[in-house]
Amino acid sequence: MSLRWAQAQKDMPWGNRGERIIRKQKYIKRHEERDDLSGEHLIGDGGQILLACLFVATWISDTFFLKYTTFLNSYVPLGFRLPFGVVLLIISGYLAQTGLSIVFGEKRDNPIVIRKGVFKVVRHPIYLSEILFYCGLLILSISLAGFVVLLMAIVFLHYISRYEEKLLLARFGEKYIKYMQEVPMWIPRLRKR
C-alpha cells in the first residue's frame, strides 16, 4: 500500500479497516523516518507474501490432497527426509529472527554497513531464511510443483536483493564493495579468504 493512498484514506469513516490503515500508515511513516535503513524494492514485501502464499498453497494441496507430483516421497524414506527438513526449518527460523532483530531491532545513529551476526556469514540472511524454509518443507514432503514455486521465489529474491545492493552501493560506496568482496551473497564460505 502506498503512503499517498493511506494518507488519502486517513479521514474515511471505515471503522476497524480505517484504523488498520492508519496504523499501517504510522508504521510506514516510522519506517521511512529511519535514516539508518537504506530502503527496499517497492514490490519486495508484496512479492514475498504472494510467493509464500503460492508456495504454501501448492505444497499443501499437492502433499495432502492432489498428490500429483509427490511420487519421489516413495523413493526417499521419511527417516532420511525428516531430520534434514527439520534442521533446515530451524536454521531458517534462526536466520530470520536474528537477521530481522539486527536490522530492525536497534536504531543506529550513524548509518553503517551491518557486518555483525548472521551478516558476517551471508549478505542476505533474511532472504536466505525464506529459501531455506521452502527447502525444509520440500524435503519433508517432496513436491515437484512446490519446487517450481521455490525456483520462482529464488529468482524473485535474487532480483530484489540485487536492487537493494544497488541502494547500498549508492549509499556506502567502497565500504559496501569491500563487504561484497568479503561476504558471499547466498552461500556461506567454509573458510575465510
N, C-alpha and C. Protein backbone atom coordinates (compact mmCIF):
# COMPACT_ATOMS: atom_id res chain seq x y z
N MET A 1 0.85 -1.16 0.00
CA MET A 1 0.00 0.00 0.00
C MET A 1 0.90 1.23 0.00
N SER A 2 0.60 2.19 -0.84
CA SER A 2 1.43 3.37 -0.91
C SER A 2 1.07 4.33 0.20
N LEU A 3 2.05 5.10 0.62
CA LEU A 3 1.84 6.07 1.67
C LEU A 3 0.83 7.12 1.23
N ARG A 4 0.89 7.52 -0.04
CA ARG A 4 -0.04 8.51 -0.57
C ARG A 4 -1.48 8.02 -0.46
N TRP A 5 -1.72 6.74 -0.82
CA TRP A 5 -3.06 6.18 -0.75
C TRP A 5 -3.53 6.15 0.70
N ALA A 6 -2.64 5.74 1.62
CA ALA A 6 -3.00 5.67 3.03
C ALA A 6 -3.35 7.05 3.57
N GLN A 7 -2.61 8.08 3.15
CA GLN A 7 -2.91 9.43 3.61
C GLN A 7 -4.24 9.91 3.05
N ALA A 8 -4.53 9.56 1.80
CA ALA A 8 -5.80 9.98 1.20
C ALA A 8 -6.98 9.31 1.88
N GLN A 9 -6.81 8.09 2.38
CA GLN A 9 -7.89 7.35 3.00
C GLN A 9 -7.99 7.57 4.50
N LYS A 10 -7.08 8.34 5.06
CA LYS A 10 -6.97 8.50 6.50
C LYS A 10 -8.26 8.99 7.15
N ASP A 11 -8.94 9.93 6.55
CA ASP A 11 -10.12 10.52 7.16
C ASP A 11 -11.42 9.82 6.78
N MET A 12 -11.33 8.72 6.05
CA MET A 12 -12.53 7.99 5.65
C MET A 12 -13.10 7.23 6.84
N PRO A 13 -14.43 7.24 7.02
CA PRO A 13 -15.04 6.51 8.14
C PRO A 13 -15.16 5.02 7.82
N TRP A 14 -14.09 4.27 7.97
CA TRP A 14 -14.08 2.86 7.60
C TRP A 14 -14.09 1.94 8.81
N GLY A 15 -14.27 2.45 9.99
CA GLY A 15 -14.29 1.59 11.17
C GLY A 15 -12.95 0.93 11.41
N ASN A 16 -12.98 -0.37 11.72
CA ASN A 16 -11.75 -1.11 12.03
C ASN A 16 -10.77 -1.10 10.87
N ARG A 17 -11.29 -1.20 9.64
CA ARG A 17 -10.39 -1.19 8.49
C ARG A 17 -9.65 0.15 8.42
N GLY A 18 -10.35 1.24 8.69
CA GLY A 18 -9.72 2.55 8.69
C GLY A 18 -8.64 2.66 9.75
N GLU A 19 -8.90 2.06 10.92
CA GLU A 19 -7.90 2.07 11.98
C GLU A 19 -6.66 1.28 11.56
N ARG A 20 -6.88 0.15 10.87
CA ARG A 20 -5.73 -0.63 10.40
C ARG A 20 -4.93 0.17 9.39
N ILE A 21 -5.60 0.91 8.52
CA ILE A 21 -4.91 1.73 7.54
C ILE A 21 -4.09 2.80 8.25
N ILE A 22 -4.67 3.43 9.25
CA ILE A 22 -3.94 4.47 9.99
C ILE A 22 -2.75 3.85 10.71
N ARG A 23 -2.93 2.69 11.34
CA ARG A 23 -1.80 2.02 12.00
C ARG A 23 -0.73 1.67 10.99
N LYS A 24 -1.12 1.18 9.83
CA LYS A 24 -0.16 0.84 8.77
C LYS A 24 0.58 2.10 8.32
N GLN A 25 -0.16 3.21 8.19
CA GLN A 25 0.47 4.46 7.78
C GLN A 25 1.50 4.88 8.81
N LYS A 26 1.19 4.74 10.09
CA LYS A 26 2.16 5.11 11.12
C LYS A 26 3.40 4.22 11.02
N TYR A 27 3.19 2.94 10.74
CA TYR A 27 4.34 2.04 10.60
C TYR A 27 5.19 2.47 9.42
N ILE A 28 4.53 2.78 8.30
CA ILE A 28 5.28 3.21 7.12
C ILE A 28 6.03 4.50 7.42
N LYS A 29 5.36 5.42 8.05
CA LYS A 29 5.99 6.70 8.35
C LYS A 29 7.19 6.49 9.28
N ARG A 30 7.00 5.67 10.32
CA ARG A 30 8.09 5.42 11.25
C ARG A 30 9.25 4.74 10.54
N HIS A 31 8.95 3.81 9.67
CA HIS A 31 9.99 3.11 8.92
C HIS A 31 10.73 4.07 7.99
N GLU A 32 10.01 4.98 7.38
CA GLU A 32 10.65 5.95 6.48
C GLU A 32 11.49 6.96 7.23
N GLU A 33 11.19 7.18 8.49
CA GLU A 33 11.96 8.14 9.27
C GLU A 33 13.30 7.58 9.74
N ARG A 34 13.52 6.31 9.54
CA ARG A 34 14.78 5.70 9.98
C ARG A 34 15.85 5.94 8.95
N ASP A 35 16.72 6.88 9.24
CA ASP A 35 17.82 7.22 8.34
C ASP A 35 18.86 6.10 8.25
N ASP A 36 18.85 5.19 9.21
CA ASP A 36 19.85 4.14 9.21
C ASP A 36 19.49 2.98 8.28
N LEU A 37 18.30 3.00 7.69
CA LEU A 37 17.89 1.96 6.74
C LEU A 37 17.97 2.52 5.33
N SER A 38 18.43 1.70 4.39
CA SER A 38 18.63 2.19 3.02
C SER A 38 17.43 1.98 2.12
N GLY A 39 16.45 1.21 2.52
CA GLY A 39 15.25 1.01 1.72
C GLY A 39 15.21 -0.35 1.09
N GLU A 40 14.06 -0.61 0.47
CA GLU A 40 13.87 -1.89 -0.18
C GLU A 40 13.04 -1.69 -1.43
N HIS A 41 12.96 -2.72 -2.26
CA HIS A 41 12.23 -2.65 -3.51
C HIS A 41 10.75 -2.44 -3.23
N LEU A 42 10.10 -1.66 -4.06
CA LEU A 42 8.69 -1.31 -3.88
C LEU A 42 7.80 -2.55 -3.81
N ILE A 43 8.08 -3.57 -4.63
CA ILE A 43 7.24 -4.76 -4.63
C ILE A 43 7.82 -5.90 -3.79
N GLY A 44 8.88 -5.62 -3.05
CA GLY A 44 9.55 -6.67 -2.29
C GLY A 44 8.65 -7.39 -1.30
N ASP A 45 8.01 -6.66 -0.41
CA ASP A 45 7.17 -7.30 0.61
C ASP A 45 5.97 -7.98 -0.02
N GLY A 46 5.31 -7.30 -0.94
CA GLY A 46 4.13 -7.88 -1.59
C GLY A 46 4.47 -9.12 -2.38
N GLY A 47 5.59 -9.08 -3.09
CA GLY A 47 6.02 -10.24 -3.86
C GLY A 47 6.36 -11.42 -2.98
N GLN A 48 7.01 -11.15 -1.84
CA GLN A 48 7.35 -12.23 -0.91
C GLN A 48 6.09 -12.86 -0.33
N ILE A 49 5.11 -12.03 0.03
CA ILE A 49 3.86 -12.55 0.58
C ILE A 49 3.13 -13.38 -0.47
N LEU A 50 3.06 -12.87 -1.68
CA LEU A 50 2.38 -13.59 -2.77
C LEU A 50 3.05 -14.94 -3.03
N LEU A 51 4.37 -14.96 -3.13
CA LEU A 51 5.08 -16.20 -3.38
C LEU A 51 4.98 -17.16 -2.20
N ALA A 52 4.99 -16.65 -0.98
CA ALA A 52 4.83 -17.51 0.19
C ALA A 52 3.45 -18.17 0.19
N CYS A 53 2.42 -17.39 -0.10
CA CYS A 53 1.06 -17.96 -0.16
C CYS A 53 0.96 -18.98 -1.28
N LEU A 54 1.53 -18.66 -2.44
CA LEU A 54 1.50 -19.59 -3.57
C LEU A 54 2.25 -20.88 -3.24
N PHE A 55 3.41 -20.74 -2.60
CA PHE A 55 4.18 -21.93 -2.25
C PHE A 55 3.42 -22.79 -1.26
N VAL A 56 2.94 -22.19 -0.18
CA VAL A 56 2.25 -22.97 0.86
C VAL A 56 1.00 -23.63 0.29
N ALA A 57 0.23 -22.89 -0.50
CA ALA A 57 -0.98 -23.47 -1.10
C ALA A 57 -0.63 -24.62 -2.03
N THR A 58 0.40 -24.45 -2.83
CA THR A 58 0.83 -25.50 -3.76
C THR A 58 1.35 -26.71 -3.00
N TRP A 59 2.21 -26.48 -2.03
CA TRP A 59 2.81 -27.57 -1.27
C TRP A 59 1.76 -28.36 -0.49
N ILE A 60 0.87 -27.64 0.20
CA ILE A 60 -0.17 -28.33 0.99
C ILE A 60 -1.13 -29.10 0.09
N SER A 61 -1.60 -28.46 -0.98
CA SER A 61 -2.56 -29.15 -1.85
C SER A 61 -1.93 -30.36 -2.53
N ASP A 62 -0.67 -30.23 -2.94
CA ASP A 62 -0.01 -31.36 -3.61
C ASP A 62 0.37 -32.46 -2.62
N THR A 63 0.82 -32.08 -1.42
CA THR A 63 1.26 -33.06 -0.43
C THR A 63 0.11 -33.83 0.18
N PHE A 64 -0.96 -33.14 0.53
CA PHE A 64 -2.02 -33.78 1.31
C PHE A 64 -3.27 -34.14 0.52
N PHE A 65 -3.49 -33.51 -0.62
CA PHE A 65 -4.75 -33.74 -1.32
C PHE A 65 -4.55 -34.29 -2.74
N LEU A 66 -3.92 -33.53 -3.60
CA LEU A 66 -3.82 -33.92 -5.01
C LEU A 66 -2.79 -35.02 -5.26
N LYS A 67 -1.64 -34.88 -4.65
CA LYS A 67 -0.53 -35.85 -4.74
C LYS A 67 -0.11 -36.14 -6.19
N TYR A 68 -0.16 -35.12 -7.04
CA TYR A 68 0.23 -35.29 -8.44
C TYR A 68 1.75 -35.39 -8.63
N THR A 69 2.50 -34.59 -7.86
CA THR A 69 3.94 -34.53 -8.09
C THR A 69 4.75 -34.94 -6.86
N THR A 70 4.17 -35.79 -6.03
CA THR A 70 4.86 -36.21 -4.80
C THR A 70 5.37 -37.65 -4.86
N PHE A 71 5.49 -38.20 -6.05
CA PHE A 71 5.90 -39.60 -6.22
C PHE A 71 7.30 -39.87 -5.69
N LEU A 72 8.17 -38.86 -5.62
CA LEU A 72 9.54 -39.07 -5.12
C LEU A 72 9.57 -39.41 -3.63
N ASN A 73 8.50 -39.08 -2.91
CA ASN A 73 8.44 -39.41 -1.48
C ASN A 73 8.54 -40.92 -1.25
N SER A 74 8.07 -41.72 -2.20
CA SER A 74 8.14 -43.18 -2.03
C SER A 74 9.56 -43.71 -2.23
N TYR A 75 10.42 -42.93 -2.84
CA TYR A 75 11.81 -43.35 -3.07
C TYR A 75 12.77 -42.86 -1.99
N VAL A 76 12.40 -41.78 -1.31
CA VAL A 76 13.26 -41.22 -0.26
C VAL A 76 12.55 -41.43 1.08
N PRO A 77 13.10 -42.26 1.94
CA PRO A 77 12.42 -42.58 3.20
C PRO A 77 12.22 -41.36 4.10
N LEU A 78 11.10 -41.37 4.83
CA LEU A 78 10.79 -40.27 5.75
C LEU A 78 11.87 -40.14 6.83
N GLY A 79 12.45 -41.27 7.25
CA GLY A 79 13.52 -41.23 8.25
C GLY A 79 14.73 -40.44 7.79
N PHE A 80 14.92 -40.33 6.50
CA PHE A 80 16.00 -39.52 5.93
C PHE A 80 15.54 -38.08 5.76
N ARG A 81 14.30 -37.89 5.26
CA ARG A 81 13.79 -36.55 4.97
C ARG A 81 13.51 -35.74 6.23
N LEU A 82 12.95 -36.37 7.24
CA LEU A 82 12.52 -35.66 8.45
C LEU A 82 13.64 -34.90 9.15
N PRO A 83 14.78 -35.55 9.47
CA PRO A 83 15.83 -34.79 10.16
C PRO A 83 16.38 -33.62 9.34
N PHE A 84 16.60 -33.85 8.03
CA PHE A 84 17.14 -32.78 7.20
C PHE A 84 16.14 -31.64 7.04
N GLY A 85 14.88 -31.98 6.87
CA GLY A 85 13.86 -30.94 6.75
C GLY A 85 13.74 -30.10 8.01
N VAL A 86 13.75 -30.77 9.16
CA VAL A 86 13.64 -30.05 10.44
C VAL A 86 14.86 -29.17 10.67
N VAL A 87 16.04 -29.67 10.35
CA VAL A 87 17.26 -28.86 10.51
C VAL A 87 17.18 -27.60 9.65
N LEU A 88 16.73 -27.74 8.39
CA LEU A 88 16.60 -26.56 7.53
C LEU A 88 15.57 -25.57 8.07
N LEU A 89 14.48 -26.08 8.62
CA LEU A 89 13.47 -25.19 9.19
C LEU A 89 14.01 -24.45 10.42
N ILE A 90 14.80 -25.13 11.23
CA ILE A 90 15.40 -24.49 12.41
C ILE A 90 16.41 -23.42 11.98
N ILE A 91 17.26 -23.74 11.01
CA ILE A 91 18.23 -22.76 10.51
C ILE A 91 17.50 -21.56 9.91
N SER A 92 16.43 -21.84 9.17
CA SER A 92 15.63 -20.77 8.57
C SER A 92 15.08 -19.83 9.64
N GLY A 93 14.51 -20.40 10.68
CA GLY A 93 13.96 -19.57 11.77
C GLY A 93 15.03 -18.75 12.45
N TYR A 94 16.20 -19.37 12.68
CA TYR A 94 17.31 -18.65 13.32
C TYR A 94 17.77 -17.47 12.46
N LEU A 95 17.98 -17.72 11.16
CA LEU A 95 18.43 -16.65 10.26
C LEU A 95 17.42 -15.51 10.21
N ALA A 96 16.14 -15.86 10.10
CA ALA A 96 15.10 -14.82 10.01
C ALA A 96 15.04 -14.00 11.30
N GLN A 97 14.96 -14.69 12.43
CA GLN A 97 14.84 -13.98 13.71
C GLN A 97 16.06 -13.13 14.00
N THR A 98 17.24 -13.68 13.81
CA THR A 98 18.47 -12.95 14.09
C THR A 98 18.66 -11.80 13.12
N GLY A 99 18.46 -12.06 11.83
CA GLY A 99 18.63 -11.00 10.83
C GLY A 99 17.66 -9.85 11.03
N LEU A 100 16.39 -10.17 11.28
CA LEU A 100 15.40 -9.11 11.49
C LEU A 100 15.69 -8.30 12.75
N SER A 101 16.12 -8.99 13.81
CA SER A 101 16.40 -8.25 15.04
C SER A 101 17.63 -7.35 14.89
N ILE A 102 18.61 -7.78 14.10
CA ILE A 102 19.79 -6.94 13.89
C ILE A 102 19.42 -5.70 13.07
N VAL A 103 18.63 -5.89 12.01
CA VAL A 103 18.29 -4.77 11.12
C VAL A 103 17.28 -3.83 11.77
N PHE A 104 16.20 -4.39 12.30
CA PHE A 104 15.10 -3.54 12.77
C PHE A 104 15.05 -3.39 14.28
N GLY A 105 15.82 -4.18 15.01
CA GLY A 105 15.74 -4.16 16.47
C GLY A 105 16.43 -2.99 17.13
N GLU A 106 17.37 -2.41 16.46
CA GLU A 106 18.08 -1.27 17.05
C GLU A 106 18.22 -0.16 16.01
N LYS A 107 18.05 1.06 16.47
CA LYS A 107 18.25 2.19 15.57
C LYS A 107 19.67 2.69 15.76
N ARG A 108 20.37 2.80 14.64
CA ARG A 108 21.75 3.27 14.68
C ARG A 108 21.78 4.77 14.38
N ASP A 109 22.55 5.50 15.17
CA ASP A 109 22.65 6.95 14.96
C ASP A 109 23.31 7.26 13.62
N ASN A 110 24.36 6.54 13.32
CA ASN A 110 25.07 6.72 12.05
C ASN A 110 24.84 5.48 11.19
N PRO A 111 24.34 5.67 9.98
CA PRO A 111 24.14 4.52 9.09
C PRO A 111 25.47 3.79 8.83
N ILE A 112 25.42 2.47 8.90
CA ILE A 112 26.62 1.66 8.69
C ILE A 112 26.27 0.45 7.83
N VAL A 113 27.30 -0.17 7.28
CA VAL A 113 27.14 -1.47 6.64
C VAL A 113 27.12 -2.48 7.77
N ILE A 114 26.02 -3.20 7.90
CA ILE A 114 25.88 -4.15 9.00
C ILE A 114 26.74 -5.37 8.70
N ARG A 115 27.66 -5.65 9.62
CA ARG A 115 28.60 -6.76 9.42
C ARG A 115 28.66 -7.67 10.64
N LYS A 116 27.62 -7.68 11.44
CA LYS A 116 27.67 -8.50 12.65
C LYS A 116 26.66 -9.64 12.56
N GLY A 117 26.86 -10.62 13.44
CA GLY A 117 25.94 -11.75 13.50
C GLY A 117 25.89 -12.51 12.19
N VAL A 118 24.68 -12.80 11.74
CA VAL A 118 24.50 -13.57 10.51
C VAL A 118 24.93 -12.80 9.27
N PHE A 119 25.08 -11.48 9.39
CA PHE A 119 25.53 -10.66 8.27
C PHE A 119 27.04 -10.80 8.03
N LYS A 120 27.74 -11.49 8.94
CA LYS A 120 29.15 -11.83 8.71
C LYS A 120 29.27 -13.06 7.83
N VAL A 121 28.19 -13.83 7.73
CA VAL A 121 28.22 -15.10 7.02
C VAL A 121 27.67 -14.97 5.60
N VAL A 122 26.53 -14.30 5.44
CA VAL A 122 25.94 -14.04 4.12
C VAL A 122 25.37 -12.62 4.13
N ARG A 123 25.28 -12.04 2.93
CA ARG A 123 24.80 -10.66 2.82
C ARG A 123 23.29 -10.54 2.95
N HIS A 124 22.56 -11.61 2.66
CA HIS A 124 21.09 -11.55 2.68
C HIS A 124 20.52 -12.70 3.51
N PRO A 125 20.80 -12.72 4.82
CA PRO A 125 20.34 -13.84 5.64
C PRO A 125 18.83 -13.94 5.76
N ILE A 126 18.12 -12.84 5.69
CA ILE A 126 16.67 -12.87 5.83
C ILE A 126 16.04 -13.52 4.59
N TYR A 127 16.52 -13.15 3.42
CA TYR A 127 16.02 -13.79 2.19
C TYR A 127 16.46 -15.25 2.12
N LEU A 128 17.67 -15.53 2.57
CA LEU A 128 18.15 -16.91 2.60
C LEU A 128 17.27 -17.75 3.52
N SER A 129 16.82 -17.17 4.63
CA SER A 129 15.94 -17.91 5.55
C SER A 129 14.64 -18.29 4.87
N GLU A 130 14.14 -17.43 4.01
CA GLU A 130 12.92 -17.73 3.27
C GLU A 130 13.14 -18.92 2.33
N ILE A 131 14.26 -18.91 1.62
CA ILE A 131 14.59 -20.01 0.71
C ILE A 131 14.76 -21.32 1.49
N LEU A 132 15.45 -21.26 2.63
CA LEU A 132 15.65 -22.47 3.44
C LEU A 132 14.35 -22.98 4.02
N PHE A 133 13.43 -22.09 4.32
CA PHE A 133 12.11 -22.51 4.81
C PHE A 133 11.39 -23.34 3.75
N TYR A 134 11.38 -22.82 2.53
CA TYR A 134 10.76 -23.57 1.42
C TYR A 134 11.46 -24.91 1.21
N CYS A 135 12.79 -24.89 1.25
CA CYS A 135 13.55 -26.14 1.06
C CYS A 135 13.25 -27.14 2.18
N GLY A 136 13.13 -26.65 3.41
CA GLY A 136 12.81 -27.54 4.53
C GLY A 136 11.47 -28.23 4.34
N LEU A 137 10.47 -27.48 3.92
CA LEU A 137 9.17 -28.08 3.67
C LEU A 137 9.24 -29.06 2.50
N LEU A 138 10.01 -28.70 1.46
CA LEU A 138 10.12 -29.58 0.30
C LEU A 138 10.85 -30.88 0.64
N ILE A 139 11.75 -30.85 1.59
CA ILE A 139 12.42 -32.08 1.99
C ILE A 139 11.47 -32.95 2.82
N LEU A 140 10.65 -32.31 3.66
CA LEU A 140 9.69 -33.08 4.44
C LEU A 140 8.71 -33.83 3.54
N SER A 141 8.25 -33.16 2.50
CA SER A 141 7.40 -33.81 1.51
C SER A 141 7.79 -33.27 0.14
N ILE A 142 8.41 -34.11 -0.64
CA ILE A 142 8.93 -33.68 -1.93
C ILE A 142 7.76 -33.47 -2.89
N SER A 143 7.62 -32.23 -3.34
CA SER A 143 6.57 -31.85 -4.28
C SER A 143 7.23 -31.12 -5.43
N LEU A 144 7.16 -31.69 -6.60
CA LEU A 144 7.78 -31.03 -7.75
C LEU A 144 7.05 -29.73 -8.10
N ALA A 145 5.75 -29.67 -7.85
CA ALA A 145 5.00 -28.43 -8.08
C ALA A 145 5.50 -27.35 -7.11
N GLY A 146 5.74 -27.74 -5.86
CA GLY A 146 6.30 -26.80 -4.89
C GLY A 146 7.69 -26.36 -5.27
N PHE A 147 8.46 -27.28 -5.86
CA PHE A 147 9.82 -26.96 -6.31
C PHE A 147 9.80 -25.88 -7.39
N VAL A 148 8.81 -25.92 -8.28
CA VAL A 148 8.69 -24.89 -9.32
C VAL A 148 8.46 -23.52 -8.67
N VAL A 149 7.61 -23.47 -7.64
CA VAL A 149 7.37 -22.20 -6.94
C VAL A 149 8.63 -21.76 -6.21
N LEU A 150 9.38 -22.71 -5.64
CA LEU A 150 10.66 -22.39 -5.00
C LEU A 150 11.59 -21.72 -5.99
N LEU A 151 11.70 -22.24 -7.20
CA LEU A 151 12.56 -21.63 -8.21
C LEU A 151 12.12 -20.20 -8.52
N MET A 152 10.81 -19.99 -8.61
CA MET A 152 10.29 -18.63 -8.85
C MET A 152 10.68 -17.71 -7.69
N ALA A 153 10.58 -18.22 -6.46
CA ALA A 153 10.92 -17.42 -5.28
C ALA A 153 12.41 -17.07 -5.28
N ILE A 154 13.25 -18.02 -5.66
CA ILE A 154 14.70 -17.76 -5.69
C ILE A 154 15.01 -16.66 -6.70
N VAL A 155 14.42 -16.75 -7.87
CA VAL A 155 14.64 -15.71 -8.89
C VAL A 155 14.17 -14.35 -8.37
N PHE A 156 13.00 -14.31 -7.76
CA PHE A 156 12.46 -13.05 -7.24
C PHE A 156 13.35 -12.48 -6.13
N LEU A 157 13.73 -13.32 -5.17
CA LEU A 157 14.56 -12.85 -4.06
C LEU A 157 15.93 -12.39 -4.54
N HIS A 158 16.47 -13.05 -5.53
CA HIS A 158 17.75 -12.61 -6.09
C HIS A 158 17.58 -11.23 -6.76
N TYR A 159 16.49 -11.06 -7.47
CA TYR A 159 16.22 -9.79 -8.14
C TYR A 159 16.11 -8.64 -7.12
N ILE A 160 15.30 -8.83 -6.06
CA ILE A 160 15.14 -7.72 -5.11
C ILE A 160 16.40 -7.51 -4.27
N SER A 161 17.17 -8.58 -4.02
CA SER A 161 18.41 -8.38 -3.26
C SER A 161 19.43 -7.61 -4.10
N ARG A 162 19.47 -7.85 -5.41
CA ARG A 162 20.35 -7.06 -6.29
C ARG A 162 19.94 -5.59 -6.28
N TYR A 163 18.65 -5.35 -6.32
CA TYR A 163 18.15 -3.97 -6.27
C TYR A 163 18.59 -3.30 -4.96
N GLU A 164 18.42 -4.00 -3.85
CA GLU A 164 18.80 -3.43 -2.56
C GLU A 164 20.30 -3.22 -2.47
N GLU A 165 21.07 -4.08 -3.11
CA GLU A 165 22.52 -3.89 -3.11
C GLU A 165 22.90 -2.63 -3.89
N LYS A 166 22.16 -2.30 -4.93
CA LYS A 166 22.41 -1.05 -5.66
C LYS A 166 22.18 0.15 -4.74
N LEU A 167 21.13 0.07 -3.92
CA LEU A 167 20.87 1.16 -2.95
C LEU A 167 22.02 1.26 -1.95
N LEU A 168 22.48 0.12 -1.48
CA LEU A 168 23.57 0.11 -0.50
C LEU A 168 24.88 0.59 -1.11
N LEU A 169 25.13 0.22 -2.37
CA LEU A 169 26.33 0.70 -3.06
C LEU A 169 26.27 2.22 -3.24
N ALA A 170 25.11 2.74 -3.58
CA ALA A 170 24.96 4.18 -3.75
C ALA A 170 25.17 4.91 -2.43
N ARG A 171 24.77 4.28 -1.34
CA ARG A 171 24.87 4.93 -0.04
C ARG A 171 26.25 4.79 0.60
N PHE A 172 26.84 3.60 0.50
CA PHE A 172 28.08 3.33 1.23
C PHE A 172 29.32 3.20 0.36
N GLY A 173 29.16 3.09 -0.95
CA GLY A 173 30.29 3.07 -1.88
C GLY A 173 31.31 2.00 -1.59
N GLU A 174 32.57 2.42 -1.37
CA GLU A 174 33.69 1.49 -1.18
C GLU A 174 33.49 0.55 0.01
N LYS A 175 32.85 1.03 1.07
CA LYS A 175 32.63 0.16 2.24
C LYS A 175 31.77 -1.04 1.86
N TYR A 176 30.75 -0.79 1.06
CA TYR A 176 29.88 -1.91 0.67
C TYR A 176 30.56 -2.80 -0.37
N ILE A 177 31.38 -2.22 -1.25
CA ILE A 177 32.13 -3.03 -2.20
C ILE A 177 33.06 -3.98 -1.45
N LYS A 178 33.72 -3.48 -0.42
CA LYS A 178 34.60 -4.34 0.38
C LYS A 178 33.79 -5.43 1.07
N TYR A 179 32.61 -5.09 1.59
CA TYR A 179 31.73 -6.07 2.23
C TYR A 179 31.31 -7.15 1.22
N MET A 180 31.01 -6.74 -0.01
CA MET A 180 30.61 -7.69 -1.05
C MET A 180 31.76 -8.64 -1.39
N GLN A 181 32.98 -8.14 -1.34
CA GLN A 181 34.13 -8.97 -1.64
C GLN A 181 34.42 -9.96 -0.51
N GLU A 182 34.11 -9.58 0.71
CA GLU A 182 34.43 -10.42 1.87
C GLU A 182 33.33 -11.39 2.26
N VAL A 183 32.08 -11.03 1.98
CA VAL A 183 30.95 -11.85 2.44
C VAL A 183 30.12 -12.28 1.22
N PRO A 184 29.89 -13.59 1.08
CA PRO A 184 29.12 -14.06 -0.08
C PRO A 184 27.65 -13.65 0.00
N MET A 185 27.02 -13.62 -1.16
CA MET A 185 25.63 -13.20 -1.22
C MET A 185 24.69 -14.24 -0.62
N TRP A 186 24.86 -15.51 -0.98
CA TRP A 186 23.91 -16.54 -0.58
C TRP A 186 24.53 -17.73 0.15
N ILE A 187 25.62 -18.25 -0.34
CA ILE A 187 26.17 -19.49 0.19
C ILE A 187 27.39 -19.18 1.05
N PRO A 188 27.32 -19.50 2.35
CA PRO A 188 28.45 -19.19 3.24
C PRO A 188 29.72 -19.91 2.80
N ARG A 189 30.83 -19.24 3.00
CA ARG A 189 32.14 -19.86 2.72
C ARG A 189 32.54 -20.72 3.90
N LEU A 190 33.16 -21.84 3.60
CA LEU A 190 33.61 -22.71 4.67
C LEU A 190 34.88 -22.19 5.34
N ARG A 191 35.69 -21.48 4.58
CA ARG A 191 36.89 -20.88 5.17
C ARG A 191 37.06 -19.47 4.64
N LYS A 192 37.71 -18.68 5.43
CA LYS A 192 37.93 -17.26 5.05
C LYS A 192 39.00 -17.17 3.98
N ARG A 193 38.91 -16.10 3.19
CA ARG A 193 39.92 -15.85 2.15
C ARG A 193 41.18 -15.35 2.76
